[in-house]
Amino acid sequence: MWTRLVGSTIAGQGINTVIFYIIGLYGILPRDVLAQGILMGWFLKAAVEVIMTPVTYVVVGYLKNVERIDYYDYKTNFNPFIIMPPRDVEE
């Protein structure tokens, strides 16, 4: 789970930080300062995720124990490249 948490944060926050800084600060800050801000913001967001990963494990474990159900570990195909047919909805 930690690879998914940290990996998605690195990718998602990297894209988010670049877009936000360019839209909000391009032309206001010098390009070298803008680049440093992007890299520092990206690094700090990823660092927070790494630091909070153990807390996430505790919370997820607690919720799985309280709910006594684990939807994500049973009969789930994690392959993002498979298009699944729609499920039948029970009425």
PDB file of N, CA and C in Angstrom:
ATOM      1  N   MET A   1       0.824  -1.188   0.000  1.00  0.00           N
ATOM      2  CA  MET A   1       0.000   0.000   0.000  1.00  0.00           C
ATOM      3  C   MET A   1       0.874   1.260   0.000  1.00  0.00           C
ATOM      4  N   TRP A   2       2.034   1.207   0.647  1.00  0.00           N
ATOM      5  CA  TRP A   2       2.855   2.418   0.730  1.00  0.00           C
ATOM      6  C   TRP A   2       3.321   2.867  -0.646  1.00  0.00           C
ATOM      7  N   THR A   3       3.585   1.923  -1.560  1.00  0.00           N
ATOM      8  CA  THR A   3       4.023   2.330  -2.898  1.00  0.00           C
ATOM      9  C   THR A   3       2.900   3.062  -3.627  1.00  0.00           C
ATOM     10  N   ARG A   4       1.675   2.605  -3.426  1.00  0.00           N
ATOM     11  CA  ARG A   4       0.536   3.280  -4.048  1.00  0.00           C
ATOM     12  C   ARG A   4       0.342   4.668  -3.454  1.00  0.00           C
ATOM     13  N   LEU A   5       0.424   4.781  -2.148  1.00  0.00           N
ATOM     14  CA  LEU A   5       0.235   6.073  -1.488  1.00  0.00           C
ATOM     15  C   LEU A   5       1.303   7.080  -1.898  1.00  0.00           C
ATOM     16  N   VAL A   6       2.549   6.692  -1.756  1.00  0.00           N
ATOM     17  CA  VAL A   6       3.645   7.613  -2.051  1.00  0.00           C
ATOM     18  C   VAL A   6       3.769   7.850  -3.557  1.00  0.00           C
ATOM     19  N   GLY A   7       3.622   6.790  -4.342  1.00  0.00           N
ATOM     20  CA  GLY A   7       3.724   6.933  -5.801  1.00  0.00           C
ATOM     21  C   GLY A   7       2.659   7.838  -6.382  1.00  0.00           C
ATOM     22  N   SER A   8       1.428   7.675  -5.917  1.00  0.00           N
ATOM     23  CA  SER A   8       0.356   8.524  -6.437  1.00  0.00           C
ATOM     24  C   SER A   8       0.535   9.965  -5.990  1.00  0.00           C
ATOM     25  N   THR A   9       1.060  10.165  -4.788  1.00  0.00           N
ATOM     26  CA  THR A   9       1.326  11.531  -4.328  1.00  0.00           C
ATOM     27  C   THR A   9       2.428  12.175  -5.150  1.00  0.00           C
ATOM     28  N   ILE A  10       3.490  11.447  -5.404  1.00  0.00           N
ATOM     29  CA  ILE A  10       4.589  12.002  -6.196  1.00  0.00           C
ATOM     30  C   ILE A  10       4.096  12.387  -7.584  1.00  0.00           C
ATOM     31  N   ALA A  11       3.346  11.518  -8.214  1.00  0.00           N
ATOM     32  CA  ALA A  11       2.846  11.816  -9.565  1.00  0.00           C
ATOM     33  C   ALA A  11       1.787  12.919  -9.535  1.00  0.00           C
ATOM     34  N   GLY A  12       0.778  12.745  -8.731  1.00  0.00           N
ATOM     35  CA  GLY A  12      -0.344  13.694  -8.708  1.00  0.00           C
ATOM     36  C   GLY A  12       0.037  15.073  -8.218  1.00  0.00           C
ATOM     37  N   GLN A  13       0.776  15.136  -7.118  1.00  0.00           N
ATOM     38  CA  GLN A  13       1.167  16.438  -6.591  1.00  0.00           C
ATOM     39  C   GLN A  13       2.229  17.093  -7.457  1.00  0.00           C
ATOM     40  N   GLY A  14       3.022  16.291  -8.149  1.00  0.00           N
ATOM     41  CA  GLY A  14       3.976  16.876  -9.093  1.00  0.00           C
ATOM     42  C   GLY A  14       3.255  17.628 -10.195  1.00  0.00           C
ATOM     43  N   ILE A  15       2.272  16.991 -10.777  1.00  0.00           N
ATOM     44  CA  ILE A  15       1.481  17.629 -11.836  1.00  0.00           C
ATOM     45  C   ILE A  15       0.716  18.824 -11.287  1.00  0.00           C
ATOM     46  N   ASN A  16       0.088  18.654 -10.130  1.00  0.00           N
ATOM     47  CA  ASN A  16      -0.672  19.726  -9.499  1.00  0.00           C
ATOM     48  C   ASN A  16       0.202  20.936  -9.197  1.00  0.00           C
ATOM     49  N   THR A  17       1.373  20.701  -8.658  1.00  0.00           N
ATOM     50  CA  THR A  17       2.267  21.794  -8.289  1.00  0.00           C
ATOM     51  C   THR A  17       2.748  22.551  -9.518  1.00  0.00           C
ATOM     52  N   VAL A  18       3.123  21.825 -10.560  1.00  0.00           N
ATOM     53  CA  VAL A  18       3.578  22.482 -11.791  1.00  0.00           C
ATOM     54  C   VAL A  18       2.470  23.352 -12.369  1.00  0.00           C
ATOM     55  N   ILE A  19       1.259  22.811 -12.476  1.00  0.00           N
ATOM     56  CA  ILE A  19       0.141  23.568 -13.052  1.00  0.00           C
ATOM     57  C   ILE A  19      -0.181  24.788 -12.191  1.00  0.00           C
ATOM     58  N   PHE A  20      -0.280  24.597 -10.874  1.00  0.00           N
ATOM     59  CA  PHE A  20      -0.628  25.697  -9.982  1.00  0.00           C
ATOM     60  C   PHE A  20       0.400  26.817 -10.057  1.00  0.00           C
ATOM     61  N   TYR A  21       1.668  26.473  -9.959  1.00  0.00           N
ATOM     62  CA  TYR A  21       2.705  27.498  -9.977  1.00  0.00           C
ATOM     63  C   TYR A  21       2.762  28.228 -11.316  1.00  0.00           C
ATOM     64  N   ILE A  22       2.609  27.499 -12.404  1.00  0.00           N
ATOM     65  CA  ILE A  22       2.670  28.150 -13.712  1.00  0.00           C
ATOM     66  C   ILE A  22       1.479  29.080 -13.901  1.00  0.00           C
ATOM     67  N   ILE A  23       0.279  28.620 -13.566  1.00  0.00           N
ATOM     68  CA  ILE A  23      -0.907  29.474 -13.723  1.00  0.00           C
ATOM     69  C   ILE A  23      -0.848  30.662 -12.767  1.00  0.00           C
ATOM     70  N   GLY A  24      -0.454  30.415 -11.533  1.00  0.00           N
ATOM     71  CA  GLY A  24      -0.503  31.471 -10.525  1.00  0.00           C
ATOM     72  C   GLY A  24       0.691  32.409 -10.493  1.00  0.00           C
ATOM     73  N   LEU A  25       1.855  31.923 -10.872  1.00  0.00           N
ATOM     74  CA  LEU A  25       3.050  32.719 -10.629  1.00  0.00           C
ATOM     75  C   LEU A  25       3.937  32.964 -11.847  1.00  0.00           C
ATOM     76  N   TYR A  26       3.589  32.369 -12.996  1.00  0.00           N
ATOM     77  CA  TYR A  26       4.422  32.598 -14.189  1.00  0.00           C
ATOM     78  C   TYR A  26       4.334  34.064 -14.590  1.00  0.00           C
ATOM     79  N   GLY A  27       5.458  34.671 -14.818  1.00  0.00           N
ATOM     80  CA  GLY A  27       5.501  36.076 -15.181  1.00  0.00           C
ATOM     81  C   GLY A  27       5.625  36.988 -13.974  1.00  0.00           C
ATOM     82  N   ILE A  28       5.335  36.464 -12.783  1.00  0.00           N
ATOM     83  CA  ILE A  28       5.463  37.239 -11.552  1.00  0.00           C
ATOM     84  C   ILE A  28       6.827  36.952 -10.912  1.00  0.00           C
ATOM     85  N   LEU A  29       7.169  35.679 -10.846  1.00  0.00           N
ATOM     86  CA  LEU A  29       8.458  35.273 -10.292  1.00  0.00           C
ATOM     87  C   LEU A  29       9.458  35.021 -11.423  1.00  0.00           C
ATOM     88  N   PRO A  30      10.723  35.263 -11.170  1.00  0.00           N
ATOM     89  CA  PRO A  30      11.737  34.868 -12.160  1.00  0.00           C
ATOM     90  C   PRO A  30      11.692  33.356 -12.365  1.00  0.00           C
ATOM     91  N   ARG A  31      12.063  32.911 -13.533  1.00  0.00           N
ATOM     92  CA  ARG A  31      11.941  31.483 -13.865  1.00  0.00           C
ATOM     93  C   ARG A  31      12.737  30.588 -12.928  1.00  0.00           C
ATOM     94  N   ASP A  32      13.922  31.001 -12.517  1.00  0.00           N
ATOM     95  CA  ASP A  32      14.698  30.149 -11.610  1.00  0.00           C
ATOM     96  C   ASP A  32      14.027  30.034 -10.242  1.00  0.00           C
ATOM     97  N   VAL A  33      13.433  31.112  -9.761  1.00  0.00           N
ATOM     98  CA  VAL A  33      12.708  31.078  -8.480  1.00  0.00           C
ATOM     99  C   VAL A  33      11.438  30.238  -8.629  1.00  0.00           C
ATOM    100  N   LEU A  34      10.781  30.369  -9.760  1.00  0.00           N
ATOM    101  CA  LEU A  34       9.582  29.570 -10.033  1.00  0.00           C
ATOM    102  C   LEU A  34       9.931  28.081 -10.037  1.00  0.00           C
ATOM    103  N   ALA A  35      11.014  27.723 -10.703  1.00  0.00           N
ATOM    104  CA  ALA A  35      11.440  26.319 -10.751  1.00  0.00           C
ATOM    105  C   ALA A  35      11.791  25.811  -9.353  1.00  0.00           C
ATOM    106  N   GLN A  36      12.482  26.633  -8.563  1.00  0.00           N
ATOM    107  CA  GLN A  36      12.819  26.235  -7.192  1.00  0.00           C
ATOM    108  C   GLN A  36      11.558  26.053  -6.353  1.00  0.00           C
ATOM    109  N   GLY A  37      10.586  26.929  -6.526  1.00  0.00           N
ATOM    110  CA  GLY A  37       9.328  26.816  -5.795  1.00  0.00           C
ATOM    111  C   GLY A  37       8.577  25.550  -6.154  1.00  0.00           C
ATOM    112  N   ILE A  38       8.559  25.228  -7.445  1.00  0.00           N
ATOM    113  CA  ILE A  38       7.894  24.004  -7.897  1.00  0.00           C
ATOM    114  C   ILE A  38       8.565  22.786  -7.268  1.00  0.00           C
ATOM    115  N   LEU A  39       9.876  22.732  -7.339  1.00  0.00           N
ATOM    116  CA  LEU A  39      10.589  21.574  -6.793  1.00  0.00           C
ATOM    117  C   LEU A  39      10.429  21.476  -5.270  1.00  0.00           C
ATOM    118  N   MET A  40      10.509  22.597  -4.579  1.00  0.00           N
ATOM    119  CA  MET A  40      10.371  22.573  -3.120  1.00  0.00           C
ATOM    120  C   MET A  40       8.945  22.195  -2.710  1.00  0.00           C
ATOM    121  N   GLY A  41       7.949  22.762  -3.387  1.00  0.00           N
ATOM    122  CA  GLY A  41       6.564  22.408  -3.086  1.00  0.00           C
ATOM    123  C   GLY A  41       6.297  20.940  -3.325  1.00  0.00           C
ATOM    124  N   TRP A  42       6.796  20.430  -4.435  1.00  0.00           N
ATOM    125  CA  TRP A  42       6.630  19.017  -4.783  1.00  0.00           C
ATOM    126  C   TRP A  42       7.303  18.138  -3.730  1.00  0.00           C
ATOM    127  N   PHE A  43       8.526  18.499  -3.354  1.00  0.00           N
ATOM    128  CA  PHE A  43       9.262  17.725  -2.355  1.00  0.00           C
ATOM    129  C   PHE A  43       8.528  17.723  -1.009  1.00  0.00           C
ATOM    130  N   LEU A  44       8.067  18.884  -0.568  1.00  0.00           N
ATOM    131  CA  LEU A  44       7.390  18.963   0.728  1.00  0.00           C
ATOM    132  C   LEU A  44       6.098  18.158   0.747  1.00  0.00           C
ATOM    133  N   LYS A  45       5.336  18.195  -0.336  1.00  0.00           N
ATOM    134  CA  LYS A  45       4.093  17.414  -0.401  1.00  0.00           C
ATOM    135  C   LYS A  45       4.390  15.922  -0.342  1.00  0.00           C
ATOM    136  N   ALA A  46       5.425  15.492  -1.051  1.00  0.00           N
ATOM    137  CA  ALA A  46       5.807  14.080  -1.016  1.00  0.00           C
ATOM    138  C   ALA A  46       6.328  13.701   0.366  1.00  0.00           C
ATOM    139  N   ALA A  47       7.076  14.587   1.004  1.00  0.00           N
ATOM    140  CA  ALA A  47       7.610  14.306   2.342  1.00  0.00           C
ATOM    141  C   ALA A  47       6.485  14.146   3.359  1.00  0.00           C
ATOM    142  N   VAL A  48       5.460  14.984   3.261  1.00  0.00           N
ATOM    143  CA  VAL A  48       4.312  14.854   4.166  1.00  0.00           C
ATOM    144  C   VAL A  48       3.658  13.493   3.988  1.00  0.00           C
ATOM    145  N   GLU A  49       3.518  13.039   2.748  1.00  0.00           N
ATOM    146  CA  GLU A  49       2.918  11.723   2.511  1.00  0.00           C
ATOM    147  C   GLU A  49       3.775  10.617   3.108  1.00  0.00           C
ATOM    148  N   VAL A  50       5.070  10.704   2.941  1.00  0.00           N
ATOM    149  CA  VAL A  50       5.956   9.677   3.504  1.00  0.00           C
ATOM    150  C   VAL A  50       5.843   9.668   5.027  1.00  0.00           C
ATOM    151  N   ILE A  51       5.825  10.838   5.635  1.00  0.00           N
ATOM    152  CA  ILE A  51       5.723  10.940   7.091  1.00  0.00           C
ATOM    153  C   ILE A  51       4.374  10.422   7.590  1.00  0.00           C
ATOM    154  N   MET A  52       3.304  10.679   6.852  1.00  0.00           N
ATOM    155  CA  MET A  52       1.956  10.293   7.289  1.00  0.00           C
ATOM    156  C   MET A  52       1.567   8.861   6.901  1.00  0.00           C
ATOM    157  N   THR A  53       2.381   8.179   6.116  1.00  0.00           N
ATOM    158  CA  THR A  53       2.049   6.813   5.703  1.00  0.00           C
ATOM    159  C   THR A  53       1.812   5.881   6.890  1.00  0.00           C
ATOM    160  N   PRO A  54       2.639   5.899   7.940  1.00  0.00           N
ATOM    161  CA  PRO A  54       2.325   5.026   9.085  1.00  0.00           C
ATOM    162  C   PRO A  54       0.969   5.341   9.727  1.00  0.00           C
ATOM    163  N   VAL A  55       0.604   6.605   9.778  1.00  0.00           N
ATOM    164  CA  VAL A  55      -0.707   6.988  10.321  1.00  0.00           C
ATOM    165  C   VAL A  55      -1.813   6.421   9.435  1.00  0.00           C
ATOM    166  N   THR A  56      -1.611   6.481   8.136  1.00  0.00           N
ATOM    167  CA  THR A  56      -2.594   5.930   7.202  1.00  0.00           C
ATOM    168  C   THR A  56      -2.783   4.436   7.435  1.00  0.00           C
ATOM    169  N   TYR A  57      -1.697   3.721   7.656  1.00  0.00           N
ATOM    170  CA  TYR A  57      -1.796   2.285   7.935  1.00  0.00           C
ATOM    171  C   TYR A  57      -2.630   2.023   9.189  1.00  0.00           C
ATOM    172  N   VAL A  58      -2.424   2.808  10.229  1.00  0.00           N
ATOM    173  CA  VAL A  58      -3.180   2.633  11.473  1.00  0.00           C
ATOM    174  C   VAL A  58      -4.664   2.899  11.231  1.00  0.00           C
ATOM    175  N   VAL A  59      -4.984   3.976  10.530  1.00  0.00           N
ATOM    176  CA  VAL A  59      -6.382   4.327  10.272  1.00  0.00           C
ATOM    177  C   VAL A  59      -7.052   3.263   9.407  1.00  0.00           C
ATOM    178  N   VAL A  60      -6.383   2.828   8.354  1.00  0.00           N
ATOM    179  CA  VAL A  60      -6.961   1.801   7.472  1.00  0.00           C
ATOM    180  C   VAL A  60      -7.175   0.496   8.246  1.00  0.00           C
ATOM    181  N   GLY A  61      -6.203   0.102   9.042  1.00  0.00           N
ATOM    182  CA  GLY A  61      -6.354  -1.110   9.854  1.00  0.00           C
ATOM    183  C   GLY A  61      -7.514  -1.007  10.824  1.00  0.00           C
ATOM    184  N   TYR A  62      -7.645   0.145  11.459  1.00  0.00           N
ATOM    185  CA  TYR A  62      -8.759   0.364  12.399  1.00  0.00           C
ATOM    186  C   TYR A  62     -10.101   0.269  11.680  1.00  0.00           C
ATOM    187  N   LEU A  63     -10.230   0.937  10.538  1.00  0.00           N
ATOM    188  CA  LEU A  63     -11.502   0.916   9.811  1.00  0.00           C
ATOM    189  C   LEU A  63     -11.856  -0.476   9.312  1.00  0.00           C
ATOM    190  N   LYS A  64     -10.863  -1.213   8.830  1.00  0.00           N
ATOM    191  CA  LYS A  64     -11.135  -2.578   8.375  1.00  0.00           C
ATOM    192  C   LYS A  64     -11.593  -3.443   9.541  1.00  0.00           C
ATOM    193  N   ASN A  65     -11.012  -3.232  10.710  1.00  0.00           N
ATOM    194  CA  ASN A  65     -11.393  -4.002  11.892  1.00  0.00           C
ATOM    195  C   ASN A  65     -12.797  -3.636  12.364  1.00  0.00           C
ATOM    196  N   VAL A  66     -13.118  -2.359  12.397  1.00  0.00           N
ATOM    197  CA  VAL A  66     -14.424  -1.898  12.868  1.00  0.00           C
ATOM    198  C   VAL A  66     -15.527  -2.326  11.900  1.00  0.00           C
ATOM    199  N   GLU A  67     -15.286  -2.157  10.612  1.00  0.00           N
ATOM    200  CA  GLU A  67     -16.305  -2.474   9.606  1.00  0.00           C
ATOM    201  C   GLU A  67     -16.401  -3.972   9.335  1.00  0.00           C
ATOM    202  N   ARG A  68     -15.361  -4.704   9.688  1.00  0.00           N
ATOM    203  CA  ARG A  68     -15.285  -6.150   9.459  1.00  0.00           C
ATOM    204  C   ARG A  68     -15.533  -6.523   7.995  1.00  0.00           C
ATOM    205  N   ILE A  69     -15.044  -5.688   7.128  1.00  0.00           N
ATOM    206  CA  ILE A  69     -15.176  -5.964   5.706  1.00  0.00           C
ATOM    207  C   ILE A  69     -13.996  -5.328   4.981  1.00  0.00           C
ATOM    208  N   ASP A  70     -13.585  -5.954   3.908  1.00  0.00           N
ATOM    209  CA  ASP A  70     -12.433  -5.470   3.170  1.00  0.00           C
ATOM    210  C   ASP A  70     -12.731  -5.596   1.681  1.00  0.00           C
ATOM    211  N   TYR A  71     -13.417  -4.603   1.146  1.00  0.00           N
ATOM    212  CA  TYR A  71     -13.814  -4.641  -0.256  1.00  0.00           C
ATOM    213  C   TYR A  71     -12.640  -4.714  -1.208  1.00  0.00           C
ATOM    214  N   TYR A  72     -11.549  -4.124  -0.848  1.00  0.00           N
ATOM    215  CA  TYR A  72     -10.452  -3.971  -1.783  1.00  0.00           C
ATOM    216  C   TYR A  72      -9.543  -5.179  -1.896  1.00  0.00           C
ATOM    217  N   ASP A  73      -9.726  -6.158  -1.058  1.00  0.00           N
ATOM    218  CA  ASP A  73      -8.854  -7.320  -1.114  1.00  0.00           C
ATOM    219  C   ASP A  73      -9.542  -8.577  -1.634  1.00  0.00           C
ATOM    220  N   TYR A  74     -10.833  -8.519  -1.916  1.00  0.00           N
ATOM    221  CA  TYR A  74     -11.552  -9.708  -2.343  1.00  0.00           C
ATOM    222  C   TYR A  74     -12.151  -9.498  -3.723  1.00  0.00           C
ATOM    223  N   LYS A  75     -11.860 -10.420  -4.626  1.00  0.00           N
ATOM    224  CA  LYS A  75     -12.439 -10.435  -5.969  1.00  0.00           C
ATOM    225  C   LYS A  75     -12.277  -9.088  -6.672  1.00  0.00           C
ATOM    226  N   THR A  76     -11.117  -8.484  -6.500  1.00  0.00           N
ATOM    227  CA  THR A  76     -10.854  -7.197  -7.120  1.00  0.00           C
ATOM    228  C   THR A  76      -9.684  -7.340  -8.072  1.00  0.00           C
ATOM    229  N   ASN A  77      -9.868  -6.892  -9.301  1.00  0.00           N
ATOM    230  CA  ASN A  77      -8.794  -6.899 -10.282  1.00  0.00           C
ATOM    231  C   ASN A  77      -8.183  -5.506 -10.309  1.00  0.00           C
ATOM    232  N   PHE A  78      -6.919  -5.381  -9.935  1.00  0.00           N
ATOM    233  CA  PHE A  78      -6.264  -4.083  -9.832  1.00  0.00           C
ATOM    234  C   PHE A  78      -5.602  -3.648 -11.133  1.00  0.00           C
ATOM    235  N   ASN A  79      -5.788  -4.397 -12.203  1.00  0.00           N
ATOM    236  CA  ASN A  79      -5.191  -4.037 -13.480  1.00  0.00           C
ATOM    237  C   ASN A  79      -5.922  -2.828 -14.059  1.00  0.00           C
ATOM    238  N   PRO A  80      -5.241  -1.676 -14.203  1.00  0.00           N
ATOM    239  CA  PRO A  80      -5.917  -0.472 -14.696  1.00  0.00           C
ATOM    240  C   PRO A  80      -6.187  -0.493 -16.202  1.00  0.00           C
ATOM    241  N   PHE A  81      -5.652  -1.485 -16.904  1.00  0.00           N
ATOM    242  CA  PHE A  81      -5.796  -1.525 -18.352  1.00  0.00           C
ATOM    243  C   PHE A  81      -6.932  -2.412 -18.830  1.00  0.00           C
ATOM    244  N   ILE A  82      -7.649  -3.039 -17.918  1.00  0.00           N
ATOM    245  CA  ILE A  82      -8.777  -3.896 -18.287  1.00  0.00           C
ATOM    246  C   ILE A  82     -10.058  -3.081 -18.197  1.00  0.00           C
ATOM    247  N   ILE A  83     -10.835  -3.112 -19.255  1.00  0.00           N
ATOM    248  CA  ILE A  83     -12.137  -2.446 -19.240  1.00  0.00           C
ATOM    249  C   ILE A  83     -13.153  -3.491 -18.815  1.00  0.00           C
ATOM    250  N   MET A  84     -13.790  -3.217 -17.690  1.00  0.00           N
ATOM    251  CA  MET A  84     -14.728  -4.184 -17.145  1.00  0.00           C
ATOM    252  C   MET A  84     -16.143  -3.843 -17.594  1.00  0.00           C
ATOM    253  N   PRO A  85     -16.944  -4.873 -17.880  1.00  0.00           N
ATOM    254  CA  PRO A  85     -18.347  -4.603 -18.238  1.00  0.00           C
ATOM    255  C   PRO A  85     -19.087  -4.059 -17.013  1.00  0.00           C
ATOM    256  N   PRO A  86     -20.157  -3.312 -17.235  1.00  0.00           N
ATOM    257  CA  PRO A  86     -20.907  -2.785 -16.096  1.00  0.00           C
ATOM    258  C   PRO A  86     -21.495  -3.908 -15.253  1.00  0.00           C
ATOM    259  N   ARG A  87     -21.545  -3.681 -13.967  1.00  0.00           N
ATOM    260  CA  ARG A  87     -22.113  -4.668 -13.051  1.00  0.00           C
ATOM    261  C   ARG A  87     -23.622  -4.542 -13.045  1.00  0.00           C
ATOM    262  N   ASP A  88     -24.279  -5.671 -12.818  1.00  0.00           N
ATOM    263  CA  ASP A  88     -25.729  -5.656 -12.697  1.00  0.00           C
ATOM    264  C   ASP A  88     -26.084  -5.026 -11.352  1.00  0.00           C
ATOM    265  N   VAL A  89     -27.088  -4.176 -11.384  1.00  0.00           N
ATOM    266  CA  VAL A  89     -27.538  -3.524 -10.159  1.00  0.00           C
ATOM    267  C   VAL A  89     -28.747  -4.276  -9.639  1.00  0.00           C
ATOM    268  N   GLU A  90     -28.650  -4.669  -8.377  1.00  0.00           N
ATOM    269  CA  GLU A  90     -29.776  -5.365  -7.764  1.00  0.00           C
ATOM    270  C   GLU A  90     -30.772  -4.366  -7.229  1.00  0.00           C
ATOM    271  N   GLU A  91     -32.025  -4.603  -7.494  1.00  0.00           N
ATOM    272  CA  GLU A  91     -33.075  -3.685  -7.013  1.00  0.00           C
ATOM    273  C   GLU A  91     -33.820  -4.269  -5.876  1.00  0.00           C
TER     274      GLU A  91
END
